[in-house]
Amino acid sequence: MNAAIFRALAHPGEGERDLTARFALLGLVNRLERVADRACNIAEEAIYVVRGQVLRQKFGVRTTTHN
């Protein structure tokens, strides 16, 4: 999750009592991040099937190998 979004949602303002919306948004952002990760995995598998090229992510940097 983007650190700035997490900080904004995880730290309520002074006097804010109803945190229901914040927790709902945190859950939604988490689920959207998971969907994006899975979409990347599907795209990497499709590239492998079509090109025979393996894409891997290490610490936010993509590396490419050819088979």
Protein backbone atom coordinates (compact mmCIF):
# COMPACT_ATOMS: atom_id res chain seq x y z
CA MET A 1 0.00 0.00 0.00
CA ASN A 2 1.21 3.47 -0.74
CA ALA A 3 2.75 4.77 2.48
CA ALA A 4 1.19 8.23 2.13
CA ILE A 5 -2.32 6.79 1.74
CA PHE A 6 -1.79 4.49 4.71
CA ARG A 7 -0.54 7.35 6.91
CA ALA A 8 -3.47 9.55 5.91
CA LEU A 9 -6.02 6.85 6.73
CA ALA A 10 -4.32 5.30 9.75
CA HIS A 11 -3.93 8.49 11.77
CA PRO A 12 -7.26 10.17 12.50
CA GLY A 13 -7.49 13.82 13.33
CA GLU A 14 -7.98 15.05 16.87
CA GLY A 15 -11.51 14.62 18.08
CA GLU A 16 -12.48 12.17 15.36
CA ARG A 17 -14.51 9.48 17.06
CA ASP A 18 -16.18 7.49 14.31
CA LEU A 19 -13.42 5.49 12.63
CA THR A 20 -15.75 3.23 10.65
CA ALA A 21 -15.15 5.02 7.35
CA ARG A 22 -11.38 4.98 7.86
CA PHE A 23 -11.33 1.24 8.50
CA ALA A 24 -13.56 0.64 5.49
CA LEU A 25 -11.24 2.70 3.26
CA LEU A 26 -8.16 0.89 4.58
CA GLY A 27 -9.79 -2.43 3.75
CA LEU A 28 -10.79 -1.20 0.29
CA VAL A 29 -7.31 0.10 -0.50
CA ASN A 30 -5.81 -3.20 0.67
CA ARG A 31 -8.14 -5.17 -1.61
CA LEU A 32 -7.41 -2.91 -4.58
CA GLU A 33 -3.70 -3.42 -4.03
CA ARG A 34 -4.21 -7.20 -4.06
CA VAL A 35 -6.19 -6.97 -7.31
CA ALA A 36 -3.37 -4.94 -8.88
CA ASP A 37 -0.76 -7.46 -7.72
CA ARG A 38 -2.74 -10.34 -9.21
CA ALA A 39 -3.20 -8.45 -12.47
CA CYS A 40 0.59 -8.02 -12.65
CA ASN A 41 1.07 -11.74 -12.03
CA ILE A 42 -1.38 -12.60 -14.82
CA ALA A 43 0.40 -10.21 -17.19
CA GLU A 44 3.78 -11.75 -16.32
CA GLU A 45 2.42 -15.23 -17.02
CA ALA A 46 0.95 -14.07 -20.35
CA ILE A 47 4.32 -12.59 -21.37
CA TYR A 48 5.98 -15.88 -20.49
CA VAL A 49 3.48 -17.87 -22.55
CA VAL A 50 3.75 -15.58 -25.60
CA ARG A 51 7.44 -14.63 -25.56
CA GLY A 52 9.09 -17.16 -23.29
CA GLN A 53 10.39 -14.22 -21.29
CA VAL A 54 10.43 -14.43 -17.49
CA LEU A 55 9.69 -11.22 -15.61
CA ARG A 56 10.36 -11.08 -11.90
CA GLN A 57 10.13 -8.23 -9.46
CA LYS A 58 12.78 -7.81 -6.80
CA PHE A 59 12.27 -4.96 -4.38
CA GLY A 60 10.26 -2.89 -6.86
CA VAL A 61 12.66 -3.39 -9.79
CA ARG A 62 11.75 -5.68 -12.66
CA THR A 63 14.37 -8.08 -13.93
CA THR A 64 14.11 -9.91 -17.23
CA THR A 65 15.51 -13.25 -18.25
CA HIS A 66 15.11 -15.05 -21.56
CA ASN A 67 14.68 -18.79 -21.85
